[in-house]
PDB file of all heavy atoms in Angstrom:
ATOM      1  N   SER A   1      32.125  -0.728 -13.868  1.00  0.00           N
ATOM      2  CA  SER A   1      31.933  -0.989 -15.294  1.00  0.00           C
ATOM      3  C   SER A   1      30.972  -0.005 -15.946  1.00  0.00           C
ATOM      4  O   SER A   1      30.911   0.084 -17.166  1.00  0.00           O
ATOM      5  CB  SER A   1      31.396  -2.412 -15.503  1.00  0.00           C
ATOM      6  OG  SER A   1      30.077  -2.538 -14.976  1.00  0.00           O
ATOM      7  N   HIS A   2      30.238   0.746 -15.128  1.00  0.00           N
ATOM      8  CA  HIS A   2      29.207   1.638 -15.668  1.00  0.00           C
ATOM      9  C   HIS A   2      28.990   2.786 -14.688  1.00  0.00           C
ATOM     10  O   HIS A   2      29.090   2.592 -13.473  1.00  0.00           O
ATOM     11  CB  HIS A   2      27.905   0.854 -15.864  1.00  0.00           C
ATOM     12  CG  HIS A   2      27.158   1.223 -17.101  1.00  0.00           C
ATOM     13  ND1 HIS A   2      27.656   1.015 -18.367  1.00  0.00           N
ATOM     14  CD2 HIS A   2      25.958   1.808 -17.280  1.00  0.00           C
ATOM     15  CE1 HIS A   2      26.781   1.431 -19.262  1.00  0.00           C
ATOM     16  NE2 HIS A   2      25.744   1.927 -18.626  1.00  0.00           N
ATOM     17  N   PRO A   3      28.641   3.980 -15.164  1.00  0.00           N
ATOM     18  CA  PRO A   3      28.461   5.133 -14.259  1.00  0.00           C
ATOM     19  C   PRO A   3      27.074   5.139 -13.622  1.00  0.00           C
ATOM     20  O   PRO A   3      26.228   5.990 -13.901  1.00  0.00           O
ATOM     21  CB  PRO A   3      28.658   6.330 -15.202  1.00  0.00           C
ATOM     22  CG  PRO A   3      28.171   5.838 -16.525  1.00  0.00           C
ATOM     23  CD  PRO A   3      28.554   4.383 -16.589  1.00  0.00           C
ATOM     24  N   VAL A   4      26.838   4.163 -12.729  1.00  0.00           N
ATOM     25  CA  VAL A   4      25.536   4.062 -12.062  1.00  0.00           C
ATOM     26  C   VAL A   4      25.665   4.004 -10.536  1.00  0.00           C
ATOM     27  O   VAL A   4      24.653   3.883  -9.849  1.00  0.00           O
ATOM     28  CB  VAL A   4      24.758   2.816 -12.547  1.00  0.00           C
ATOM     29  CG1 VAL A   4      24.379   2.955 -14.011  1.00  0.00           C
ATOM     30  CG2 VAL A   4      25.551   1.541 -12.302  1.00  0.00           C
ATOM     31  N   TYR A   5      26.880   4.157 -10.024  1.00  0.00           N
ATOM     32  CA  TYR A   5      27.097   3.965  -8.595  1.00  0.00           C
ATOM     33  C   TYR A   5      27.356   5.277  -7.848  1.00  0.00           C
ATOM     34  O   TYR A   5      27.920   5.268  -6.755  1.00  0.00           O
ATOM     35  CB  TYR A   5      28.279   3.014  -8.377  1.00  0.00           C
ATOM     36  CG  TYR A   5      28.056   1.634  -8.947  1.00  0.00           C
ATOM     37  CD1 TYR A   5      28.607   1.267 -10.165  1.00  0.00           C
ATOM     38  CD2 TYR A   5      27.272   0.710  -8.268  1.00  0.00           C
ATOM     39  CE1 TYR A   5      28.397  -0.003 -10.689  1.00  0.00           C
ATOM     40  CE2 TYR A   5      27.064  -0.563  -8.784  1.00  0.00           C
ATOM     41  CZ  TYR A   5      27.625  -0.907  -9.997  1.00  0.00           C
ATOM     42  OH  TYR A   5      27.411  -2.168 -10.517  1.00  0.00           O
ATOM     43  N   GLN A   6      26.917   6.409  -8.396  1.00  0.00           N
ATOM     44  CA  GLN A   6      27.262   7.699  -7.807  1.00  0.00           C
ATOM     45  C   GLN A   6      26.701   7.871  -6.390  1.00  0.00           C
ATOM     46  O   GLN A   6      27.424   8.292  -5.474  1.00  0.00           O
ATOM     47  CB  GLN A   6      26.772   8.841  -8.703  1.00  0.00           C
ATOM     48  CG  GLN A   6      27.429   8.885 -10.074  1.00  0.00           C
ATOM     49  CD  GLN A   6      26.646   8.100 -11.124  1.00  0.00           C
ATOM     50  OE1 GLN A   6      25.837   7.235 -10.812  1.00  0.00           O
ATOM     51  NE2 GLN A   6      26.881   8.408 -12.401  1.00  0.00           N
ATOM     52  N   TYR A   7      25.419   7.585  -6.204  1.00  0.00           N
ATOM     53  CA  TYR A   7      24.818   7.757  -4.870  1.00  0.00           C
ATOM     54  C   TYR A   7      25.356   6.717  -3.900  1.00  0.00           C
ATOM     55  O   TYR A   7      25.556   7.006  -2.717  1.00  0.00           O
ATOM     56  CB  TYR A   7      23.289   7.666  -4.968  1.00  0.00           C
ATOM     57  CG  TYR A   7      22.693   8.805  -5.767  1.00  0.00           C
ATOM     58  CD1 TYR A   7      22.378   8.643  -7.111  1.00  0.00           C
ATOM     59  CD2 TYR A   7      22.466  10.052  -5.186  1.00  0.00           C
ATOM     60  CE1 TYR A   7      21.856   9.688  -7.860  1.00  0.00           C
ATOM     61  CE2 TYR A   7      21.943  11.109  -5.925  1.00  0.00           C
ATOM     62  CZ  TYR A   7      21.634  10.911  -7.269  1.00  0.00           C
ATOM     63  OH  TYR A   7      21.130  11.959  -8.009  1.00  0.00           O
ATOM     64  N   PHE A   8      25.596   5.539  -4.407  1.00  0.00           N
ATOM     65  CA  PHE A   8      26.186   4.480  -3.606  1.00  0.00           C
ATOM     66  C   PHE A   8      27.569   4.901  -3.114  1.00  0.00           C
ATOM     67  O   PHE A   8      27.887   4.773  -1.921  1.00  0.00           O
ATOM     68  CB  PHE A   8      26.268   3.217  -4.457  1.00  0.00           C
ATOM     69  CG  PHE A   8      26.859   2.024  -3.771  1.00  0.00           C
ATOM     70  CD1 PHE A   8      26.160   1.371  -2.780  1.00  0.00           C
ATOM     71  CD2 PHE A   8      28.109   1.548  -4.131  1.00  0.00           C
ATOM     72  CE1 PHE A   8      26.694   0.259  -2.148  1.00  0.00           C
ATOM     73  CE2 PHE A   8      28.645   0.442  -3.512  1.00  0.00           C
ATOM     74  CZ  PHE A   8      27.944  -0.212  -2.520  1.00  0.00           C
ATOM     75  N   ALA A   9      28.388   5.420  -4.024  1.00  0.00           N
ATOM     76  CA  ALA A   9      29.748   5.832  -3.669  1.00  0.00           C
ATOM     77  C   ALA A   9      29.733   6.979  -2.663  1.00  0.00           C
ATOM     78  O   ALA A   9      30.514   6.989  -1.703  1.00  0.00           O
ATOM     79  CB  ALA A   9      30.517   6.227  -4.924  1.00  0.00           C
ATOM     80  N   ARG A  10      28.874   7.943  -2.879  1.00  0.00           N
ATOM     81  CA  ARG A  10      28.828   9.092  -1.964  1.00  0.00           C
ATOM     82  C   ARG A  10      28.390   8.683  -0.562  1.00  0.00           C
ATOM     83  O   ARG A  10      29.001   9.080   0.427  1.00  0.00           O
ATOM     84  CB  ARG A  10      27.883  10.162  -2.507  1.00  0.00           C
ATOM     85  CG  ARG A  10      27.821  11.411  -1.622  1.00  0.00           C
ATOM     86  CD  ARG A  10      26.909  12.470  -2.192  1.00  0.00           C
ATOM     87  NE  ARG A  10      25.496  12.055  -2.157  1.00  0.00           N
ATOM     88  CZ  ARG A  10      24.499  12.786  -2.672  1.00  0.00           C
ATOM     89  NH1 ARG A  10      24.756  13.943  -3.264  1.00  0.00           N
ATOM     90  NH2 ARG A  10      23.265  12.356  -2.602  1.00  0.00           N
ATOM     91  N   ARG A  11      27.350   7.880  -0.472  1.00  0.00           N
ATOM     92  CA  ARG A  11      26.819   7.489   0.838  1.00  0.00           C
ATOM     93  C   ARG A  11      27.832   6.689   1.639  1.00  0.00           C
ATOM     94  O   ARG A  11      27.981   6.888   2.850  1.00  0.00           O
ATOM     95  CB  ARG A  11      25.532   6.668   0.650  1.00  0.00           C
ATOM     96  CG  ARG A  11      24.924   6.147   1.958  1.00  0.00           C
ATOM     97  CD  ARG A  11      24.438   7.267   2.833  1.00  0.00           C
ATOM     98  NE  ARG A  11      23.842   6.751   4.066  1.00  0.00           N
ATOM     99  CZ  ARG A  11      23.427   7.537   5.052  1.00  0.00           C
ATOM    100  NH1 ARG A  11      23.539   8.860   4.964  1.00  0.00           N
ATOM    101  NH2 ARG A  11      22.903   7.013   6.137  1.00  0.00           N
ATOM    102  N   TYR A  12      28.552   5.787   0.961  1.00  0.00           N
ATOM    103  CA  TYR A  12      29.412   4.862   1.681  1.00  0.00           C
ATOM    104  C   TYR A  12      30.895   5.200   1.556  1.00  0.00           C
ATOM    105  O   TYR A  12      31.751   4.400   1.928  1.00  0.00           O
ATOM    106  CB  TYR A  12      29.091   3.422   1.245  1.00  0.00           C
ATOM    107  CG  TYR A  12      27.612   3.155   1.428  1.00  0.00           C
ATOM    108  CD1 TYR A  12      26.759   3.055   0.331  1.00  0.00           C
ATOM    109  CD2 TYR A  12      27.049   3.115   2.703  1.00  0.00           C
ATOM    110  CE1 TYR A  12      25.392   2.881   0.510  1.00  0.00           C
ATOM    111  CE2 TYR A  12      25.685   2.955   2.883  1.00  0.00           C
ATOM    112  CZ  TYR A  12      24.858   2.848   1.786  1.00  0.00           C
ATOM    113  OH  TYR A  12      23.512   2.699   1.963  1.00  0.00           O
ATOM    114  N   GLY A  13      31.165   6.401   1.047  1.00  0.00           N
ATOM    115  CA  GLY A  13      32.526   6.917   1.037  1.00  0.00           C
ATOM    116  C   GLY A  13      33.478   6.162   0.140  1.00  0.00           C
ATOM    117  O   GLY A  13      34.673   6.050   0.461  1.00  0.00           O
ATOM    118  N   LEU A  14      32.996   5.658  -0.990  1.00  0.00           N
ATOM    119  CA  LEU A  14      33.830   4.841  -1.868  1.00  0.00           C
ATOM    120  C   LEU A  14      34.520   5.695  -2.928  1.00  0.00           C
ATOM    121  O   LEU A  14      33.970   6.678  -3.408  1.00  0.00           O
ATOM    122  CB  LEU A  14      32.987   3.765  -2.551  1.00  0.00           C
ATOM    123  CG  LEU A  14      32.218   2.838  -1.607  1.00  0.00           C
ATOM    124  CD1 LEU A  14      31.456   1.799  -2.397  1.00  0.00           C
ATOM    125  CD2 LEU A  14      33.160   2.168  -0.609  1.00  0.00           C
ATOM    126  N   ASP A  15      35.721   5.273  -3.287  1.00  0.00           N
ATOM    127  CA  ASP A  15      36.535   5.964  -4.288  1.00  0.00           C
ATOM    128  C   ASP A  15      36.410   5.208  -5.608  1.00  0.00           C
ATOM    129  O   ASP A  15      37.170   4.283  -5.882  1.00  0.00           O
ATOM    130  CB  ASP A  15      37.990   6.023  -3.812  1.00  0.00           C
ATOM    131  CG  ASP A  15      38.875   6.828  -4.745  1.00  0.00           C
ATOM    132  OD1 ASP A  15      38.344   7.520  -5.638  1.00  0.00           O
ATOM    133  OD2 ASP A  15      40.108   6.769  -4.570  1.00  0.00           O
ATOM    134  N   ILE A  16      35.425   5.596  -6.430  1.00  0.00           N
ATOM    135  CA  ILE A  16      35.104   4.852  -7.645  1.00  0.00           C
ATOM    136  C   ILE A  16      35.294   5.725  -8.888  1.00  0.00           C
ATOM    137  O   ILE A  16      34.824   6.857  -8.935  1.00  0.00           O
ATOM    138  CB  ILE A  16      33.643   4.348  -7.619  1.00  0.00           C
ATOM    139  CG1 ILE A  16      33.431   3.377  -6.462  1.00  0.00           C
ATOM    140  CG2 ILE A  16      33.276   3.678  -8.937  1.00  0.00           C
ATOM    141  CD1 ILE A  16      32.004   2.854  -6.358  1.00  0.00           C
ATOM    142  N   LYS A  17      35.985   5.172  -9.874  1.00  0.00           N
ATOM    143  CA  LYS A  17      36.044   5.746 -11.216  1.00  0.00           C
ATOM    144  C   LYS A  17      35.301   4.800 -12.159  1.00  0.00           C
ATOM    145  O   LYS A  17      35.403   3.580 -12.016  1.00  0.00           O
ATOM    146  CB  LYS A  17      37.489   5.904 -11.696  1.00  0.00           C
ATOM    147  CG  LYS A  17      38.376   6.755 -10.800  1.00  0.00           C
ATOM    148  CD  LYS A  17      38.019   8.213 -10.885  1.00  0.00           C
ATOM    149  CE  LYS A  17      39.024   9.055 -10.084  1.00  0.00           C
ATOM    150  NZ  LYS A  17      38.662  10.487 -10.089  1.00  0.00           N
ATOM    151  N   SER A  18      34.575   5.358 -13.107  1.00  0.00           N
ATOM    152  CA  SER A  18      33.737   4.525 -13.971  1.00  0.00           C
ATOM    153  C   SER A  18      34.203   4.521 -15.419  1.00  0.00           C
ATOM    154  O   SER A  18      34.683   5.538 -15.932  1.00  0.00           O
ATOM    155  CB  SER A  18      32.284   5.019 -13.926  1.00  0.00           C
ATOM    156  OG  SER A  18      31.741   4.864 -12.635  1.00  0.00           O
ATOM    157  N   VAL A  19      34.036   3.367 -16.053  1.00  0.00           N
ATOM    158  CA  VAL A  19      34.150   3.252 -17.499  1.00  0.00           C
ATOM    159  C   VAL A  19      32.735   2.996 -18.034  1.00  0.00           C
ATOM    160  O   VAL A  19      31.761   3.106 -17.290  1.00  0.00           O
ATOM    161  CB  VAL A  19      35.130   2.119 -17.893  1.00  0.00           C
ATOM    162  CG1 VAL A  19      36.546   2.513 -17.537  1.00  0.00           C
ATOM    163  CG2 VAL A  19      34.738   0.798 -17.236  1.00  0.00           C
ATOM    164  N   HIS A  20      32.614   2.671 -19.325  1.00  0.00           N
ATOM    165  CA  HIS A  20      31.305   2.405 -19.929  1.00  0.00           C
ATOM    166  C   HIS A  20      31.360   1.061 -20.643  1.00  0.00           C
ATOM    167  O   HIS A  20      31.360   0.990 -21.863  1.00  0.00           O
ATOM    168  CB  HIS A  20      30.916   3.530 -20.895  1.00  0.00           C
ATOM    169  CG  HIS A  20      30.656   4.831 -20.232  1.00  0.00           C
ATOM    170  ND1 HIS A  20      31.655   5.657 -19.792  1.00  0.00           N
ATOM    171  CD2 HIS A  20      29.489   5.445 -19.919  1.00  0.00           C
ATOM    172  CE1 HIS A  20      31.125   6.732 -19.242  1.00  0.00           C
ATOM    173  NE2 HIS A  20      29.826   6.638 -19.303  1.00  0.00           N
ATOM    174  N   TRP A  21      31.410   0.011 -19.859  1.00  0.00           N
ATOM    175  CA  TRP A  21      31.501  -1.347 -20.378  1.00  0.00           C
ATOM    176  C   TRP A  21      30.209  -2.094 -20.105  1.00  0.00           C
ATOM    177  O   TRP A  21      29.493  -1.787 -19.155  1.00  0.00           O
ATOM    178  CB  TRP A  21      32.662  -2.105 -19.726  1.00  0.00           C
ATOM    179  CG  TRP A  21      34.025  -1.564 -20.029  1.00  0.00           C
ATOM    180  CD1 TRP A  21      34.335  -0.416 -20.697  1.00  0.00           C
ATOM    181  CD2 TRP A  21      35.266  -2.163 -19.663  1.00  0.00           C
ATOM    182  NE1 TRP A  21      35.698  -0.257 -20.773  1.00  0.00           N
ATOM    183  CE2 TRP A  21      36.298  -1.324 -20.146  1.00  0.00           C
ATOM    184  CE3 TRP A  21      35.621  -3.321 -18.979  1.00  0.00           C
ATOM    185  CZ2 TRP A  21      37.648  -1.607 -19.965  1.00  0.00           C
ATOM    186  CZ3 TRP A  21      36.961  -3.620 -18.792  1.00  0.00           C
ATOM    187  CH2 TRP A  21      37.973  -2.766 -19.290  1.00  0.00           C
ATOM    188  N   GLU A  22      29.926  -3.090 -20.937  1.00  0.00           N
ATOM    189  CA  GLU A  22      28.764  -3.950 -20.750  1.00  0.00           C
ATOM    190  C   GLU A  22      29.239  -5.343 -20.346  1.00  0.00           C
ATOM    191  O   GLU A  22      30.184  -5.870 -20.920  1.00  0.00           O
ATOM    192  CB  GLU A  22      27.943  -4.037 -22.032  1.00  0.00           C
ATOM    193  CG  GLU A  22      27.505  -2.692 -22.596  1.00  0.00           C
ATOM    194  CD  GLU A  22      26.762  -1.840 -21.582  1.00  0.00           C
ATOM    195  OE1 GLU A  22      26.057  -2.410 -20.718  1.00  0.00           O
ATOM    196  OE2 GLU A  22      26.905  -0.605 -21.636  1.00  0.00           O
ATOM    197  N   PRO A  23      28.593  -5.945 -19.343  1.00  0.00           N
ATOM    198  CA  PRO A  23      29.036  -7.268 -18.883  1.00  0.00           C
ATOM    199  C   PRO A  23      29.041  -8.334 -19.974  1.00  0.00           C
ATOM    200  O   PRO A  23      29.899  -9.218 -19.971  1.00  0.00           O
ATOM    201  CB  PRO A  23      28.022  -7.612 -17.788  1.00  0.00           C
ATOM    202  CG  PRO A  23      27.499  -6.294 -17.319  1.00  0.00           C
ATOM    203  CD  PRO A  23      27.489  -5.416 -18.530  1.00  0.00           C
ATOM    204  N   ASN A  24      28.104  -8.242 -20.917  1.00  0.00           N
ATOM    205  CA  ASN A  24      27.974  -9.271 -21.948  1.00  0.00           C
ATOM    206  C   ASN A  24      28.752  -8.953 -23.218  1.00  0.00           C
ATOM    207  O   ASN A  24      28.552  -9.595 -24.247  1.00  0.00           O
ATOM    208  CB  ASN A  24      26.495  -9.487 -22.301  1.00  0.00           C
ATOM    209  CG  ASN A  24      25.834  -8.225 -22.840  1.00  0.00           C
ATOM    210  OD1 ASN A  24      26.359  -7.128 -22.676  1.00  0.00           O
ATOM    211  ND2 ASN A  24      24.691  -8.386 -23.482  1.00  0.00           N
ATOM    212  N   GLU A  25      29.642  -7.971 -23.149  1.00  0.00           N
ATOM    213  CA  GLU A  25      30.465  -7.609 -24.295  1.00  0.00           C
ATOM    214  C   GLU A  25      31.934  -7.542 -23.877  1.00  0.00           C
ATOM    215  O   GLU A  25      32.258  -7.019 -22.803  1.00  0.00           O
ATOM    216  CB  GLU A  25      30.051  -6.253 -24.870  1.00  0.00           C
ATOM    217  CG  GLU A  25      28.621  -6.197 -25.384  1.00  0.00           C
ATOM    218  CD  GLU A  25      28.213  -4.811 -25.828  1.00  0.00           C
ATOM    219  OE1 GLU A  25      29.093  -3.908 -25.815  1.00  0.00           O
ATOM    220  OE2 GLU A  25      27.033  -4.607 -26.162  1.00  0.00           O
ATOM    221  N   VAL A  26      32.811  -8.044 -24.712  1.00  0.00           N
ATOM    222  CA  VAL A  26      34.252  -7.935 -24.453  1.00  0.00           C
ATOM    223  C   VAL A  26      34.692  -6.531 -24.847  1.00  0.00           C
ATOM    224  O   VAL A  26      34.375  -6.070 -25.957  1.00  0.00           O
ATOM    225  CB  VAL A  26      35.036  -8.991 -25.254  1.00  0.00           C
ATOM    226  CG1 VAL A  26      36.537  -8.799 -25.065  1.00  0.00           C
ATOM    227  CG2 VAL A  26      34.616 -10.389 -24.817  1.00  0.00           C
ATOM    228  N   PRO A  27      35.397  -5.813 -23.978  1.00  0.00           N
ATOM    229  CA  PRO A  27      35.802  -4.443 -24.296  1.00  0.00           C
ATOM    230  C   PRO A  27      36.677  -4.369 -25.547  1.00  0.00           C
ATOM    231  O   PRO A  27      37.434  -5.295 -25.859  1.00  0.00           O
ATOM    232  CB  PRO A  27      36.590  -4.015 -23.051  1.00  0.00           C
ATOM    233  CG  PRO A  27      36.069  -4.885 -21.962  1.00  0.00           C
ATOM    234  CD  PRO A  27      35.752  -6.196 -22.600  1.00  0.00           C
ATOM    235  N   THR A  28      36.573  -3.254 -26.230  1.00  0.00           N
ATOM    236  CA  THR A  28      37.391  -3.010 -27.410  1.00  0.00           C
ATOM    237  C   THR A  28      38.797  -2.592 -26.990  1.00  0.00           C
ATOM    238  O   THR A  28      39.053  -2.272 -25.820  1.00  0.00           O
ATOM    239  CB  THR A  28      36.773  -1.894 -28.262  1.00  0.00           C
ATOM    240  OG1 THR A  28      36.793  -0.671 -27.493  1.00  0.00           O
ATOM    241  CG2 THR A  28      35.336  -2.226 -28.649  1.00  0.00           C
ATOM    242  N   ASP A  29      39.716  -2.563 -27.954  1.00  0.00           N
ATOM    243  CA  ASP A  29      41.078  -2.103 -27.657  1.00  0.00           C
ATOM    244  C   ASP A  29      41.057  -0.679 -27.102  1.00  0.00           C
ATOM    245  O   ASP A  29      41.811  -0.349 -26.172  1.00  0.00           O
ATOM    246  CB  ASP A  29      41.926  -2.144 -28.932  1.00  0.00           C
ATOM    247  CG  ASP A  29      42.225  -3.566 -29.387  1.00  0.00           C
ATOM    248  OD1 ASP A  29      42.065  -4.501 -28.573  1.00  0.00           O
ATOM    249  OD2 ASP A  29      42.612  -3.749 -30.559  1.00  0.00           O
ATOM    250  N   GLU A  30      40.197   0.151 -27.657  1.00  0.00           N
ATOM    251  CA  GLU A  30      40.092   1.529 -27.189  1.00  0.00           C
ATOM    252  C   GLU A  30      39.634   1.578 -25.728  1.00  0.00           C
ATOM    253  O   GLU A  30      40.136   2.382 -24.939  1.00  0.00           O
ATOM    254  CB  GLU A  30      39.112   2.300 -28.074  1.00  0.00           C
ATOM    255  CG  GLU A  30      38.970   3.771 -27.703  1.00  0.00           C
ATOM    256  CD  GLU A  30      37.982   4.497 -28.597  1.00  0.00           C
ATOM    257  OE1 GLU A  30      37.460   3.876 -29.543  1.00  0.00           O
ATOM    258  OE2 GLU A  30      37.740   5.695 -28.342  1.00  0.00           O
ATOM    259  N   GLN A  31      38.709   0.709 -25.372  1.00  0.00           N
ATOM    260  CA  GLN A  31      38.227   0.696 -23.990  1.00  0.00           C
ATOM    261  C   GLN A  31      39.309   0.205 -23.025  1.00  0.00           C
ATOM    262  O   GLN A  31      39.415   0.710 -21.895  1.00  0.00           O
ATOM    263  CB  GLN A  31      36.976  -0.187 -23.893  1.00  0.00           C
ATOM    264  CG  GLN A  31      35.754   0.451 -24.527  1.00  0.00           C
ATOM    265  CD  GLN A  31      34.562  -0.488 -24.571  1.00  0.00           C
ATOM    266  OE1 GLN A  31      34.695  -1.677 -24.909  1.00  0.00           O
ATOM    267  NE2 GLN A  31      33.396   0.024 -24.244  1.00  0.00           N
ATOM    268  N   TRP A  32      40.118  -0.756 -23.460  1.00  0.00           N
ATOM    269  CA  TRP A  32      41.219  -1.200 -22.607  1.00  0.00           C
ATOM    270  C   TRP A  32      42.227  -0.078 -22.396  1.00  0.00           C
ATOM    271  O   TRP A  32      42.748   0.109 -21.284  1.00  0.00           O
ATOM    272  CB  TRP A  32      41.907  -2.427 -23.216  1.00  0.00           C
ATOM    273  CG  TRP A  32      41.136  -3.698 -23.061  1.00  0.00           C
ATOM    274  CD1 TRP A  32      40.575  -4.441 -24.056  1.00  0.00           C
ATOM    275  CD2 TRP A  32      40.821  -4.373 -21.839  1.00  0.00           C
ATOM    276  NE1 TRP A  32      39.932  -5.543 -23.534  1.00  0.00           N
ATOM    277  CE2 TRP A  32      40.069  -5.533 -22.179  1.00  0.00           C
ATOM    278  CE3 TRP A  32      41.105  -4.119 -20.502  1.00  0.00           C
ATOM    279  CZ2 TRP A  32      39.600  -6.428 -21.213  1.00  0.00           C
ATOM    280  CZ3 TRP A  32      40.630  -5.017 -19.532  1.00  0.00           C
ATOM    281  CH2 TRP A  32      39.891  -6.146 -19.885  1.00  0.00           C
ATOM    282  N   LEU A  33      42.487   0.680 -23.441  1.00  0.00           N
ATOM    283  CA  LEU A  33      43.409   1.809 -23.304  1.00  0.00           C
ATOM    284  C   LEU A  33      42.842   2.863 -22.360  1.00  0.00           C
ATOM    285  O   LEU A  33      43.584   3.473 -21.561  1.00  0.00           O
ATOM    286  CB  LEU A  33      43.678   2.431 -24.684  1.00  0.00           C
ATOM    287  CG  LEU A  33      44.515   1.580 -25.648  1.00  0.00           C
ATOM    288  CD1 LEU A  33      44.570   2.244 -27.027  1.00  0.00           C
ATOM    289  CD2 LEU A  33      45.932   1.386 -25.093  1.00  0.00           C
ATOM    290  N   GLU A  34      41.540   3.080 -22.424  1.00  0.00           N
ATOM    291  CA  GLU A  34      40.899   4.026 -21.506  1.00  0.00           C
ATOM    292  C   GLU A  34      41.073   3.575 -20.062  1.00  0.00           C
ATOM    293  O   GLU A  34      41.390   4.378 -19.173  1.00  0.00           O
ATOM    294  CB  GLU A  34      39.410   4.145 -21.842  1.00  0.00           C
ATOM    295  CG  GLU A  34      38.637   5.057 -20.888  1.00  0.00           C
ATOM    296  CD  GLU A  34      37.124   4.911 -21.041  1.00  0.00           C
ATOM    297  OE1 GLU A  34      36.670   4.020 -21.781  1.00  0.00           O
ATOM    298  OE2 GLU A  34      36.414   5.689 -20.387  1.00  0.00           O
ATOM    299  N   LEU A  35      40.875   2.286 -19.820  1.00  0.00           N
ATOM    300  CA  LEU A  35      41.044   1.759 -18.465  1.00  0.00           C
ATOM    301  C   LEU A  35      42.483   1.929 -17.985  1.00  0.00           C
ATOM    302  O   LEU A  35      42.724   2.343 -16.837  1.00  0.00           O
ATOM    303  CB  LEU A  35      40.645   0.282 -18.430  1.00  0.00           C
ATOM    304  CG  LEU A  35      40.909  -0.416 -17.086  1.00  0.00           C
ATOM    305  CD1 LEU A  35      40.062   0.199 -15.976  1.00  0.00           C
ATOM    306  CD2 LEU A  35      40.642  -1.917 -17.200  1.00  0.00           C
ATOM    307  N   GLN A  36      43.437   1.624 -18.841  1.00  0.00           N
ATOM    308  CA  GLN A  36      44.835   1.738 -18.442  1.00  0.00           C
ATOM    309  C   GLN A  36      45.199   3.181 -18.096  1.00  0.00           C
ATOM    310  O   GLN A  36      45.986   3.429 -17.177  1.00  0.00           O
ATOM    311  CB  GLN A  36      45.736   1.186 -19.550  1.00  0.00           C
ATOM    312  CG  GLN A  36      45.624  -0.329 -19.692  1.00  0.00           C
ATOM    313  CD  GLN A  36      46.310  -0.868 -20.928  1.00  0.00           C
ATOM    314  OE1 GLN A  36      46.674  -0.123 -21.836  1.00  0.00           O
ATOM    315  NE2 GLN A  36      46.478  -2.184 -20.992  1.00  0.00           N
ATOM    316  N   ALA A  37      44.607   4.127 -18.812  1.00  0.00           N
ATOM    317  CA  ALA A  37      44.835   5.542 -18.487  1.00  0.00           C
ATOM    318  C   ALA A  37      44.282   5.874 -17.107  1.00  0.00           C
ATOM    319  O   ALA A  37      44.903   6.623 -16.337  1.00  0.00           O
ATOM    320  CB  ALA A  37      44.195   6.424 -19.552  1.00  0.00           C
ATOM    321  N   ILE A  38      43.115   5.324 -16.779  1.00  0.00           N
ATOM    322  CA  ILE A  38      42.532   5.545 -15.449  1.00  0.00           C
ATOM    323  C   ILE A  38      43.420   4.950 -14.368  1.00  0.00           C
ATOM    324  O   ILE A  38      43.665   5.569 -13.324  1.00  0.00           O
ATOM    325  CB  ILE A  38      41.112   4.943 -15.384  1.00  0.00           C
ATOM    326  CG1 ILE A  38      40.153   5.745 -16.258  1.00  0.00           C
ATOM    327  CG2 ILE A  38      40.597   4.892 -13.945  1.00  0.00           C
ATOM    328  CD1 ILE A  38      38.778   5.117 -16.403  1.00  0.00           C
ATOM    329  N   LEU A  39      43.931   3.746 -14.630  1.00  0.00           N
ATOM    330  CA  LEU A  39      44.709   3.037 -13.616  1.00  0.00           C
ATOM    331  C   LEU A  39      46.023   3.737 -13.282  1.00  0.00           C
ATOM    332  O   LEU A  39      46.556   3.571 -12.179  1.00  0.00           O
ATOM    333  CB  LEU A  39      44.993   1.607 -14.086  1.00  0.00           C
ATOM    334  CG  LEU A  39      43.767   0.695 -14.209  1.00  0.00           C
ATOM    335  CD1 LEU A  39      44.163  -0.651 -14.804  1.00  0.00           C
ATOM    336  CD2 LEU A  39      43.091   0.510 -12.859  1.00  0.00           C
ATOM    337  N   ARG A  40      46.530   4.517 -14.213  1.00  0.00           N
ATOM    338  CA  ARG A  40      47.786   5.235 -13.925  1.00  0.00           C
ATOM    339  C   ARG A  40      47.606   6.232 -12.787  1.00  0.00           C
ATOM    340  O   ARG A  40      48.541   6.492 -12.029  1.00  0.00           O
ATOM    341  CB  ARG A  40      48.290   5.943 -15.195  1.00  0.00           C
ATOM    342  CG  ARG A  40      48.925   4.999 -16.205  1.00  0.00           C
ATOM    343  CD  ARG A  40      49.708   5.750 -17.271  1.00  0.00           C
ATOM    344  NE  ARG A  40      48.830   6.394 -18.228  1.00  0.00           N
ATOM    345  CZ  ARG A  40      48.390   5.810 -19.346  1.00  0.00           C
ATOM    346  NH1 ARG A  40      48.745   4.568 -19.619  1.00  0.00           N
ATOM    347  NH2 ARG A  40      47.605   6.469 -20.176  1.00  0.00           N
ATOM    348  N   GLU A  41      46.415   6.799 -12.663  1.00  0.00           N
ATOM    349  CA  GLU A  41      46.136   7.757 -11.590  1.00  0.00           C
ATOM    350  C   GLU A  41      45.292   7.153 -10.475  1.00  0.00           C
ATOM    351  O   GLU A  41      45.154   7.754  -9.406  1.00  0.00           O
ATOM    352  CB  GLU A  41      45.398   8.978 -12.170  1.00  0.00           C
ATOM    353  CG  GLU A  41      46.134   9.697 -13.281  1.00  0.00           C
ATOM    354  CD  GLU A  41      47.404  10.358 -12.776  1.00  0.00           C
ATOM    355  OE1 GLU A  41      47.437  10.745 -11.579  1.00  0.00           O
ATOM    356  OE2 GLU A  41      48.359  10.491 -13.578  1.00  0.00           O
ATOM    357  N   HIS A  42      44.727   5.983 -10.738  1.00  0.00           N
ATOM    358  CA  HIS A  42      43.743   5.385  -9.829  1.00  0.00           C
ATOM    359  C   HIS A  42      44.001   3.881  -9.788  1.00  0.00           C
ATOM    360  O   HIS A  42      43.330   3.104 -10.469  1.00  0.00           O
ATOM    361  CB  HIS A  42      42.331   5.700 -10.370  1.00  0.00           C
ATOM    362  CG  HIS A  42      41.213   5.285  -9.485  1.00  0.00           C
ATOM    363  ND1 HIS A  42      40.859   5.976  -8.342  1.00  0.00           N
ATOM    364  CD2 HIS A  42      40.325   4.245  -9.586  1.00  0.00           C
ATOM    365  CE1 HIS A  42      39.817   5.398  -7.792  1.00  0.00           C
ATOM    366  NE2 HIS A  42      39.485   4.343  -8.514  1.00  0.00           N
ATOM    367  N   PRO A  43      44.993   3.435  -9.009  1.00  0.00           N
ATOM    368  CA  PRO A  43      45.452   2.035  -9.066  1.00  0.00           C
ATOM    369  C   PRO A  43      44.482   1.054  -8.412  1.00  0.00           C
ATOM    370  O   PRO A  43      44.737   0.491  -7.347  1.00  0.00           O
ATOM    371  CB  PRO A  43      46.790   2.090  -8.317  1.00  0.00           C
ATOM    372  CG  PRO A  43      46.623   3.216  -7.339  1.00  0.00           C
ATOM    373  CD  PRO A  43      45.775   4.236  -8.047  1.00  0.00           C
TER     374      PRO A  43
END
């Protein structure tokens, strides 16, 4: 949900793509479209 897991991903070999969402906010239509674009290449 946020680009804060870079060192975590590198150390433990995780394949992570990040968006910029806040847990206490419902994503906007634009943010949902951004996620769907990511999912096409990163299921």
